Amino acid sequence: MRADLPQGRRPAQGGPVVSEAPYARPLPHDLAAEQAVLGGMLLSTDAIADVVEVLDGAADFHEPHHEFVYSAILALYARTLPVDPITVTNHLREQGLLAKVGGPAAVHDLVNQVPTAAHARHHAEIVHDCSLRRRMIRAGSKIAQLGYGGADAVASLDVAQAELNAAAQTRENPDSALIGDDLAEMVSELETLQRDGRAIGVPTGFADLDALTNGLHPGQVVIIAGRPALGKSTLGVDMVRSCSIRHGRPSAFFSLEMSRREVQHRIVSAEARIGLHHIRSGTMTDTDWVRFADNSARIAKAPLTIDATPNQTVMQIKSRCRQLKRQTGLDLVVIDYLQLLTSGTSRRQDNRQQEVSDMSRSIKLMAKELEVPVIVLAQLNRGPEQRTDKKPQVSDLRESGSLEQDADIVILLHREDAYEKESPRAGEADLIVGKHRSGPTATITVAAQLHYSRFVDMALT
């Protein structure tokens, strides 16, 4: 009886170590179905193609020697060599595995176990179903060990969720093809991009920024940084509004500073062009109410989740994002803001810089695991205020240099009129793209309509 993890299913990294435990009952498997699958593959190359579409890999087989035979069949098939009991036996002999599968007779017996290869796909579905059940049992056993263990409970919960996700994981569509297979599709995308400038990634809502970055892409971490009260939260809300309200793509905004109602007020103000001070003070005019009525249905149906749970950790946010991705899908995450996050460990690290560094790396791993762009708002230190022009630099990122290292894009928010009331650039803001891992950097000027709690393209003013 095997109790090891299937190949390619590694335990969650960075958490408590869990060991395999013996099981009170035999793990689900169907020996006859496994033999029928391999026998069918030895009889027909068409059966090989059918089986490969169903199984996740050799680890779907319960019997170790069946894994070896399956791998040998695929190795020959991939090289367009003949696949039959003789060639498979010879391949196993060359690999030093023939004795482990029971010798030549064991390979030939697989063909004798199945009268036809016509049902290979159905038999493969039985094998795959048993494999999924074994994954569930193993995950449950590991989760129980974590519950009884002495490790940090929050860290253990994160590992438990990762184990359950791994058990539920099905094969991803492979991103593999000959260069010419989808060339026509690529040309179509290029023509569309050339024609109307539509970004392929998640649109930010700012035309010049989208032109520079081609939208935001899965796995990216985007840092939006600035000094307090310059509009970081407003810019973050602008981007989820663009994603969910304008383009109908699911997003999540995690606010550790504002209440959920405050975030809603900002969204209504920006979308309906109602003065934020009118909403907050309860002095909305008749015109304001008409604008609200005209936009309320569009706002209400947007797939935008606002989570204002206080004192959240990166692990808690990641857990919530996993749920959202399963339930509604998820295309963008915004966290407001980094310095209010905590590590979630039972003892706070004495070195805050190290703690922020660890959280920065955790956010990067979250973006890659969830395959979504993650925007993190962050405060800058007082460096800009000590310079004559007050312009921020990437080196001003507060508390940790790893923020710059882990980020794919760093956007620094700057407003001259925040420092000089009589500035000729009153009402303007600079989005200084100080780091862009996949392209050029630039400074993009937008209009600051903060009375409507929003930034907009200069062309729309």
Protein backbone atom coordinates (compact mmCIF):
# COMPACT_ATOMS: atom_id res chain seq x y z
CA MET A 1 0.00 0.00 0.00
CA ARG A 2 1.39 3.41 -1.00
CA ALA A 3 0.99 6.54 1.08
CA ASP A 4 3.40 8.88 -0.66
CA LEU A 5 2.44 12.10 -2.40
CA PRO A 6 1.72 11.76 -6.13
CA GLN A 7 4.55 12.91 -8.34
CA GLY A 8 4.33 16.65 -9.00
CA ARG A 9 2.24 17.24 -5.85
CA ARG A 10 4.73 18.68 -3.42
CA PRO A 11 3.83 19.61 0.14
CA ALA A 12 3.16 23.29 0.77
CA GLN A 13 6.38 25.24 1.19
CA GLY A 14 7.31 27.44 4.13
CA GLY A 15 5.01 25.83 6.68
CA PRO A 16 5.00 23.06 9.28
CA VAL A 17 6.32 19.70 8.09
CA VAL A 18 3.76 16.93 7.96
CA SER A 19 4.59 13.26 7.61
CA GLU A 20 2.72 10.43 5.99
CA ALA A 21 0.58 8.39 8.37
CA PRO A 22 -0.64 4.81 7.98
CA TYR A 23 -4.27 4.46 6.95
CA ALA A 24 -6.83 2.30 8.74
CA ARG A 25 -8.37 1.22 5.41
CA PRO A 26 -6.82 0.50 2.01
CA LEU A 27 -6.60 3.55 -0.22
CA PRO A 28 -9.09 3.57 -3.11
CA HIS A 29 -7.78 1.89 -6.25
CA ASP A 30 -8.96 -0.40 -9.02
CA LEU A 31 -6.28 -2.89 -10.04
CA ALA A 32 -8.32 -4.25 -12.94
CA ALA A 33 -8.90 -0.75 -14.37
CA GLU A 34 -5.18 0.05 -14.14
CA GLN A 35 -4.31 -3.17 -15.97
CA ALA A 36 -6.97 -2.47 -18.60
CA VAL A 37 -5.61 1.03 -19.23
CA LEU A 38 -2.06 -0.21 -19.75
CA GLY A 39 -3.19 -3.20 -21.81
CA GLY A 40 -5.22 -0.94 -24.09
CA MET A 41 -2.26 1.41 -24.55
CA LEU A 42 -0.07 -1.57 -25.52
CA LEU A 43 -2.65 -2.60 -28.11
CA SER A 44 -3.41 0.76 -29.74
CA THR A 45 -1.71 4.13 -30.17
CA ASP A 46 -5.18 5.70 -30.39
CA ALA A 47 -5.80 4.44 -26.86
CA ILE A 48 -2.58 6.15 -25.73
CA ALA A 49 -3.87 9.51 -26.95
CA ASP A 50 -7.22 8.97 -25.21
CA VAL A 51 -5.64 8.01 -21.89
CA VAL A 52 -3.19 10.91 -21.85
CA GLU A 53 -6.13 13.34 -22.08
CA VAL A 54 -7.69 11.85 -18.92
CA LEU A 55 -4.81 11.08 -16.55
CA ASP A 56 -2.71 13.70 -14.80
CA GLY A 57 0.36 11.50 -15.05
CA ALA A 58 1.95 8.28 -13.87
CA ALA A 59 1.11 9.20 -10.26
CA ASP A 60 -2.55 8.45 -10.97
CA PHE A 61 -1.67 4.75 -10.77
CA HIS A 62 -1.80 3.16 -7.34
CA GLU A 63 0.58 0.30 -8.12
CA PRO A 64 4.24 1.43 -8.43
CA HIS A 65 5.04 -1.03 -11.20
CA HIS A 66 2.12 0.32 -13.23
CA GLU A 67 3.67 3.79 -12.97
CA PHE A 68 6.88 2.46 -14.52
CA VAL A 69 5.05 0.78 -17.40
CA TYR A 70 2.97 3.89 -18.09
CA SER A 71 6.07 6.10 -18.14
CA ALA A 72 7.81 3.68 -20.51
CA ILE A 73 4.85 3.72 -22.89
CA LEU A 74 4.79 7.52 -22.97
CA ALA A 75 8.56 7.73 -23.49
CA LEU A 76 8.32 5.55 -26.60
CA TYR A 77 5.18 7.28 -27.83
CA ALA A 78 6.81 10.71 -27.49
CA ARG A 79 9.69 9.55 -29.72
CA THR A 80 7.19 8.12 -32.27
CA LEU A 81 8.64 4.66 -31.70
CA PRO A 82 6.48 1.49 -31.84
CA VAL A 83 4.64 0.72 -28.60
CA ASP A 84 3.99 -2.95 -27.85
CA PRO A 85 4.93 -5.44 -25.12
CA ILE A 86 8.30 -6.15 -26.72
CA THR A 87 9.43 -2.52 -27.14
CA VAL A 88 8.16 -1.57 -23.66
CA THR A 89 9.95 -4.54 -22.12
CA ASN A 90 13.17 -3.54 -23.85
CA HIS A 91 12.84 0.07 -22.71
CA LEU A 92 12.30 -1.00 -19.11
CA ARG A 93 15.33 -3.25 -19.33
CA GLU A 94 17.46 -0.34 -20.59
CA GLN A 95 16.25 1.78 -17.70
CA GLY A 96 17.02 -0.95 -15.16
CA LEU A 97 13.35 -1.19 -14.18
CA LEU A 98 12.27 -4.49 -15.73
CA ALA A 99 12.72 -6.52 -12.54
CA LYS A 100 10.70 -3.96 -10.57
CA VAL A 101 7.65 -4.47 -12.79
CA GLY A 102 7.84 -8.26 -12.51
CA GLY A 103 9.82 -9.10 -15.62
CA PRO A 104 8.78 -9.58 -19.29
CA ALA A 105 5.87 -11.84 -18.37
CA ALA A 106 4.22 -9.09 -16.32
CA VAL A 107 4.25 -6.70 -19.29
CA HIS A 108 2.83 -9.33 -21.68
CA ASP A 109 0.13 -10.29 -19.13
CA LEU A 110 -1.23 -6.71 -19.29
CA VAL A 111 -2.31 -7.29 -22.89
CA ASN A 112 -3.99 -10.56 -21.92
CA GLN A 113 -6.06 -8.75 -19.28
CA VAL A 114 -8.05 -6.70 -21.81
CA PRO A 115 -9.87 -8.00 -24.90
CA THR A 116 -10.02 -4.63 -26.66
CA ALA A 117 -8.55 -1.14 -26.45
CA ALA A 118 -11.88 0.51 -27.25
CA HIS A 119 -12.72 1.21 -23.61
CA ALA A 120 -9.33 2.63 -22.57
CA ARG A 121 -10.69 6.14 -21.95
CA HIS A 122 -13.44 4.85 -19.66
CA HIS A 123 -10.98 2.70 -17.74
CA ALA A 124 -8.65 5.72 -17.42
CA GLU A 125 -11.52 7.74 -15.91
CA ILE A 126 -11.90 5.05 -13.23
CA VAL A 127 -8.17 5.19 -12.47
CA HIS A 128 -8.26 9.00 -12.29
CA ASP A 129 -11.31 8.97 -10.00
CA CYS A 130 -9.51 6.67 -7.56
CA SER A 131 -6.45 8.93 -7.70
CA LEU A 132 -8.54 11.97 -6.74
CA ARG A 133 -10.01 10.08 -3.80
CA ARG A 134 -6.54 9.11 -2.59
CA ARG A 135 -5.49 12.76 -2.76
CA MET A 136 -8.44 13.74 -0.59
CA ILE A 137 -7.61 11.10 1.99
CA ARG A 138 -3.94 12.10 2.12
CA ALA A 139 -4.84 15.77 2.42
CA GLY A 140 -7.28 15.01 5.22
CA SER A 141 -4.66 13.01 7.10
CA LYS A 142 -2.10 15.80 6.78
CA ILE A 143 -4.62 18.43 7.89
CA ALA A 144 -5.45 16.37 10.97
CA GLN A 145 -1.75 16.15 11.83
CA LEU A 146 -1.45 19.92 11.49
CA GLY A 147 -4.40 20.41 13.82
CA TYR A 148 -2.81 18.25 16.52
CA GLY A 149 0.67 19.67 15.96
CA GLY A 150 2.36 22.30 18.07
CA ALA A 151 3.25 24.71 15.25
CA ASP A 152 1.81 28.21 14.92
CA ALA A 153 -1.92 27.81 14.25
CA VAL A 154 -2.15 30.52 11.60
CA ALA A 155 0.79 29.12 9.65
CA SER A 156 -0.64 25.61 9.99
CA LEU A 157 -4.00 26.78 8.63
CA ASP A 158 -2.32 28.23 5.57
CA VAL A 159 -0.48 24.96 4.95
CA ALA A 160 -3.74 23.05 5.44
CA GLN A 161 -5.47 25.16 2.83
CA ALA A 162 -2.59 24.64 0.43
CA GLU A 163 -2.80 20.87 0.97
CA LEU A 164 -6.52 20.91 0.21
CA ASN A 165 -5.98 23.03 -2.88
CA ALA A 166 -3.31 20.60 -4.09
CA ALA A 167 -5.73 17.71 -3.58
CA ALA A 168 -8.40 19.49 -5.61
CA GLN A 169 -6.03 20.62 -8.32
CA THR A 170 -6.74 19.28 -11.77
CA ARG A 171 -4.46 19.39 -14.75
CA GLU A 172 -3.92 22.87 -16.13
CA ASN A 173 -4.16 23.54 -19.84
CA PRO A 174 -0.57 23.25 -21.06
CA ASP A 175 0.94 26.40 -22.50
CA SER A 176 2.87 24.42 -25.05
CA ALA A 177 2.64 24.33 -28.83
CA LEU A 178 4.70 24.55 -32.00
CA ILE A 179 5.48 28.15 -32.82
CA GLY A 180 3.24 28.14 -35.88
CA ASP A 181 0.22 26.44 -34.29
CA ASP A 182 -1.35 29.65 -32.98
CA LEU A 183 0.41 32.17 -35.19
CA ALA A 184 -2.87 33.24 -36.78
CA GLU A 185 -4.32 33.93 -33.33
CA MET A 186 -1.26 35.99 -32.40
CA VAL A 187 -1.59 38.02 -35.60
CA SER A 188 -5.24 38.68 -34.77
CA GLU A 189 -4.25 39.95 -31.31
CA LEU A 190 -1.60 42.20 -32.81
CA GLU A 191 -4.09 43.62 -35.30
CA THR A 192 -6.57 44.31 -32.51
CA LEU A 193 -3.90 45.98 -30.42
CA GLN A 194 -2.76 48.05 -33.39
CA ARG A 195 -6.31 49.06 -34.25
CA ASP A 196 -7.68 50.20 -30.92
CA GLY A 197 -4.87 49.96 -28.40
CA ARG A 198 -6.74 47.50 -26.22
CA ALA A 199 -4.50 46.14 -23.44
CA ILE A 200 -4.22 42.40 -23.22
CA GLY A 201 -3.81 42.39 -19.43
CA VAL A 202 -6.10 43.82 -16.75
CA PRO A 203 -6.73 47.47 -17.70
CA THR A 204 -5.76 50.06 -15.09
CA GLY A 205 -8.14 52.73 -16.36
CA PHE A 206 -5.33 55.02 -17.51
CA ALA A 207 -4.63 54.91 -21.25
CA ASP A 208 -0.97 55.97 -21.10
CA LEU A 209 -0.20 53.55 -18.27
CA ASP A 210 -1.88 50.69 -20.13
CA ALA A 211 0.08 51.60 -23.26
CA LEU A 212 3.30 51.40 -21.25
CA THR A 213 2.59 48.15 -19.38
CA ASN A 214 0.07 46.51 -21.75
CA GLY A 215 -2.18 46.12 -18.73
CA LEU A 216 -1.46 44.18 -15.56
CA HIS A 217 -0.65 40.51 -15.89
CA PRO A 218 -1.05 37.37 -13.72
CA GLY A 219 1.71 36.89 -11.18
CA GLN A 220 2.80 40.53 -11.20
CA VAL A 221 3.23 42.56 -8.02
CA VAL A 222 2.64 46.28 -8.52
CA ILE A 223 3.70 48.71 -5.80
CA ILE A 224 1.91 52.08 -5.71
CA ALA A 225 3.79 54.26 -3.26
CA GLY A 226 3.59 57.83 -2.03
CA ARG A 227 3.67 60.05 1.00
CA PRO A 228 0.53 60.18 3.21
CA ALA A 229 -2.57 62.01 1.90
CA LEU A 230 -1.42 62.19 -1.73
CA GLY A 231 -4.08 59.79 -3.03
CA LYS A 232 -2.66 56.24 -2.94
CA SER A 233 -5.97 54.74 -1.82
CA THR A 234 -7.84 56.74 -4.44
CA LEU A 235 -5.54 55.40 -7.17
CA GLY A 236 -5.98 51.84 -5.92
CA VAL A 237 -9.77 52.22 -5.95
CA ASP A 238 -9.53 53.67 -9.48
CA MET A 239 -7.89 50.47 -10.67
CA VAL A 240 -10.45 48.09 -9.19
CA ARG A 241 -13.21 50.32 -10.58
CA SER A 242 -11.67 50.00 -14.03
CA CYS A 243 -11.33 46.24 -13.67
CA SER A 244 -14.78 45.41 -12.30
CA ILE A 245 -17.19 48.25 -13.05
CA ARG A 246 -15.97 49.23 -16.50
CA HIS A 247 -14.77 45.85 -17.74
CA GLY A 248 -16.80 43.36 -15.69
CA ARG A 249 -13.79 41.42 -14.43
CA PRO A 250 -13.76 40.19 -10.80
CA SER A 251 -11.48 42.01 -8.37
CA ALA A 252 -10.96 42.36 -4.62
CA PHE A 253 -10.01 45.44 -2.60
CA PHE A 254 -8.57 44.77 0.86
CA SER A 255 -8.67 47.89 3.02
CA LEU A 256 -6.82 47.86 6.31
CA GLU A 257 -7.36 51.59 6.83
CA MET A 258 -10.87 52.48 5.66
CA SER A 259 -14.19 50.85 6.48
CA ARG A 260 -16.13 49.07 3.78
CA ARG A 261 -18.64 51.93 3.73
CA GLU A 262 -15.88 54.49 3.19
CA VAL A 263 -14.63 52.54 0.19
CA GLN A 264 -18.19 52.37 -1.17
CA HIS A 265 -18.54 56.14 -0.75
CA ARG A 266 -15.37 56.70 -2.77
CA ILE A 267 -16.58 54.41 -5.55
CA VAL A 268 -19.98 56.11 -5.76
CA SER A 269 -18.36 59.55 -5.74
CA ALA A 270 -16.00 58.61 -8.57
CA GLU A 271 -18.47 56.73 -10.74
CA ALA A 272 -21.44 59.11 -10.37
CA ARG A 273 -19.38 62.33 -10.13
CA ILE A 274 -20.88 63.25 -6.77
CA GLY A 275 -18.74 65.36 -4.46
CA LEU A 276 -17.30 63.10 -1.77
CA HIS A 277 -17.92 65.80 0.83
CA HIS A 278 -21.63 65.78 -0.16
CA ILE A 279 -21.84 62.04 0.48
CA ARG A 280 -19.98 62.15 3.78
CA SER A 281 -21.83 65.17 5.16
CA GLY A 282 -25.28 64.04 4.08
CA THR A 283 -25.81 67.11 1.86
CA MET A 284 -26.44 65.44 -1.50
CA THR A 285 -28.39 67.66 -3.89
CA ASP A 286 -31.22 66.63 -6.19
CA THR A 287 -28.70 66.47 -9.04
CA ASP A 288 -26.49 64.21 -6.93
CA TRP A 289 -29.39 61.84 -6.31
CA VAL A 290 -30.19 61.70 -10.04
CA ARG A 291 -26.56 60.86 -10.81
CA PHE A 292 -26.59 58.22 -8.12
CA ALA A 293 -29.75 56.65 -9.54
CA ASP A 294 -28.28 56.64 -13.05
CA ASN A 295 -25.17 54.74 -11.91
CA SER A 296 -26.34 52.58 -9.00
CA ALA A 297 -27.39 49.56 -11.07
CA ARG A 298 -24.05 49.49 -12.93
CA ILE A 299 -22.14 49.74 -9.65
CA ALA A 300 -24.28 47.11 -7.91
CA LYS A 301 -23.71 44.40 -10.51
CA ALA A 302 -19.92 44.82 -10.61
CA PRO A 303 -17.95 41.72 -9.48
CA LEU A 304 -15.99 43.77 -6.93
CA THR A 305 -15.42 42.44 -3.42
CA ILE A 306 -14.55 44.94 -0.68
CA ASP A 307 -12.95 43.39 2.41
CA ALA A 308 -12.27 45.81 5.24
CA THR A 309 -11.53 43.24 7.93
CA PRO A 310 -9.00 44.90 10.29
CA ASN A 311 -5.60 43.52 11.31
CA GLN A 312 -5.34 41.10 8.41
CA THR A 313 -2.26 39.08 7.60
CA VAL A 314 -0.93 38.11 4.18
CA MET A 315 -1.98 34.52 4.84
CA GLN A 316 -5.53 35.57 5.68
CA ILE A 317 -5.76 37.69 2.54
CA LYS A 318 -4.40 34.81 0.46
CA SER A 319 -6.95 32.47 1.98
CA ARG A 320 -9.78 34.86 1.18
CA CYS A 321 -8.50 35.26 -2.39
CA ARG A 322 -8.44 31.50 -2.84
CA GLN A 323 -12.11 31.37 -1.87
CA LEU A 324 -13.00 34.22 -4.22
CA LYS A 325 -11.15 32.61 -7.11
CA ARG A 326 -13.04 29.36 -6.61
CA GLN A 327 -16.41 31.07 -6.20
CA THR A 328 -16.42 33.93 -8.69
CA GLY A 329 -13.01 34.01 -10.36
CA LEU A 330 -10.42 36.69 -9.62
CA ASP A 331 -8.51 38.97 -11.99
CA LEU A 332 -7.06 41.65 -9.70
CA VAL A 333 -6.22 42.14 -6.01
CA VAL A 334 -5.49 45.48 -4.33
CA ILE A 335 -4.14 45.70 -0.75
CA ASP A 336 -4.35 49.05 1.07
CA TYR A 337 -1.78 49.25 2.52
CA LEU A 338 1.44 47.32 3.21
CA GLN A 339 2.56 49.01 6.42
CA LEU A 340 -0.70 48.06 8.13
CA LEU A 341 -0.20 44.37 7.43
CA THR A 342 1.19 42.07 10.11
CA SER A 343 3.07 38.82 9.72
CA GLY A 344 0.50 36.84 11.68
CA THR A 345 3.06 34.97 13.76
CA SER A 346 2.46 34.52 17.47
CA ARG A 347 5.48 36.64 18.23
CA ARG A 348 6.16 39.85 16.34
CA GLN A 349 9.62 40.02 14.85
CA ASP A 350 11.94 42.48 16.54
CA ASN A 351 13.18 43.62 13.14
CA ARG A 352 10.28 45.33 11.35
CA GLN A 353 12.33 45.63 8.18
CA GLN A 354 12.75 41.86 8.08
CA GLU A 355 9.05 41.40 8.77
CA VAL A 356 8.10 43.67 5.85
CA SER A 357 10.63 41.84 3.69
CA ASP A 358 9.02 38.49 4.53
CA MET A 359 5.55 39.85 3.78
CA SER A 360 6.76 41.26 0.46
CA ARG A 361 8.00 37.85 -0.62
CA SER A 362 4.76 36.23 0.59
CA ILE A 363 2.76 38.64 -1.57
CA LYS A 364 4.88 37.77 -4.59
CA LEU A 365 4.28 34.07 -3.98
CA MET A 366 0.56 34.78 -3.57
CA ALA A 367 0.43 36.54 -6.94
CA LYS A 368 2.14 33.59 -8.64
CA GLU A 369 0.05 30.97 -6.87
CA LEU A 370 -3.28 32.68 -7.58
CA GLU A 371 -2.14 33.78 -11.06
CA VAL A 372 -3.46 37.32 -10.62
CA PRO A 373 -1.80 40.74 -10.54
CA VAL A 374 -1.57 42.07 -6.98
CA ILE A 375 -1.39 45.82 -6.37
CA VAL A 376 0.05 46.80 -2.99
CA LEU A 377 -0.17 50.36 -1.73
CA ALA A 378 2.79 51.48 0.36
CA GLN A 379 4.07 54.56 2.13
CA LEU A 380 7.32 56.27 1.27
CA ASN A 381 9.73 57.54 3.88
CA ARG A 382 10.45 61.26 4.31
CA GLY A 383 13.07 61.31 1.57
CA PRO A 384 10.94 63.32 -0.93
CA GLU A 385 10.30 66.07 1.62
CA GLN A 386 14.04 66.56 2.09
CA ARG A 387 14.60 67.23 -1.61
CA THR A 388 14.00 70.53 -3.35
CA ASP A 389 11.70 69.18 -6.07
CA LYS A 390 9.94 66.77 -3.65
CA LYS A 391 9.84 64.08 -6.32
CA PRO A 392 9.89 60.54 -4.91
CA GLN A 393 12.37 57.85 -5.87
CA VAL A 394 12.18 54.08 -5.69
CA SER A 395 14.81 54.15 -2.94
CA ASP A 396 12.28 56.01 -0.76
CA LEU A 397 10.20 52.87 -0.26
CA ARG A 398 9.73 52.64 3.47
CA GLU A 399 11.12 49.89 5.71
CA SER A 400 12.41 47.39 3.18
CA GLY A 401 14.51 47.30 0.04
CA SER A 402 12.94 43.93 -0.80
CA LEU A 403 9.80 45.80 -1.89
CA GLU A 404 11.70 47.09 -4.90
CA GLN A 405 13.28 43.70 -5.51
CA ASP A 406 10.03 41.71 -5.41
CA ALA A 407 7.91 44.20 -7.36
CA ASP A 408 7.47 43.90 -11.11
CA ILE A 409 6.24 47.49 -11.38
CA VAL A 410 6.77 50.39 -8.96
CA ILE A 411 4.56 53.47 -9.43
CA LEU A 412 5.40 56.54 -7.35
CA LEU A 413 2.59 59.04 -6.86
CA HIS A 414 3.57 62.73 -6.83
CA ARG A 415 1.52 65.94 -6.73
CA GLU A 416 3.29 69.28 -6.85
CA ASP A 417 0.27 71.14 -5.46
CA ALA A 418 0.48 69.06 -2.28
CA TYR A 419 3.71 70.92 -1.45
CA GLU A 420 3.20 74.20 -3.31
CA LYS A 421 -0.35 75.55 -3.16
CA GLU A 422 0.26 78.07 -5.94
CA SER A 423 1.82 75.54 -8.27
CA PRO A 424 0.99 76.06 -11.96
CA ARG A 425 0.37 72.31 -12.07
CA ALA A 426 -2.49 72.43 -9.58
CA GLY A 427 -4.91 69.57 -10.22
CA GLU A 428 -2.27 67.39 -11.85
CA ALA A 429 -0.57 64.26 -10.56
CA ASP A 430 2.44 62.32 -11.81
CA LEU A 431 2.50 58.55 -11.91
CA ILE A 432 6.23 57.94 -11.95
CA VAL A 433 6.88 54.40 -13.16
CA GLY A 434 10.23 53.96 -11.43
CA LYS A 435 10.56 50.24 -12.14
CA HIS A 436 9.11 48.15 -14.95
CA ARG A 437 10.54 44.67 -15.17
CA SER A 438 9.04 43.98 -18.60
CA GLY A 439 9.42 47.34 -20.32
CA PRO A 440 10.41 51.00 -20.17
CA THR A 441 9.89 53.46 -17.35
CA ALA A 442 8.12 56.80 -17.79
CA THR A 443 6.27 59.57 -16.00
CA ILE A 444 2.55 59.69 -16.78
CA THR A 445 0.54 62.80 -15.94
CA VAL A 446 -3.10 62.43 -14.93
CA ALA A 447 -5.74 64.79 -13.60
CA ALA A 448 -6.40 64.73 -9.86
CA GLN A 449 -10.15 65.14 -9.35
CA LEU A 450 -9.97 64.44 -5.65
CA HIS A 451 -13.31 66.13 -4.95
CA TYR A 452 -14.73 63.16 -6.87
CA SER A 453 -12.20 60.81 -5.23
CA ARG A 454 -10.58 59.85 -8.52
CA PHE A 455 -7.76 60.35 -10.95
CA VAL A 456 -8.54 60.47 -14.68
CA ASP A 457 -6.68 60.72 -17.97
CA MET A 458 -5.81 64.29 -18.89
CA ALA A 459 -7.75 63.84 -22.14
CA LEU A 460 -10.97 63.40 -20.14
CA THR A 461 -10.73 66.70 -18.27
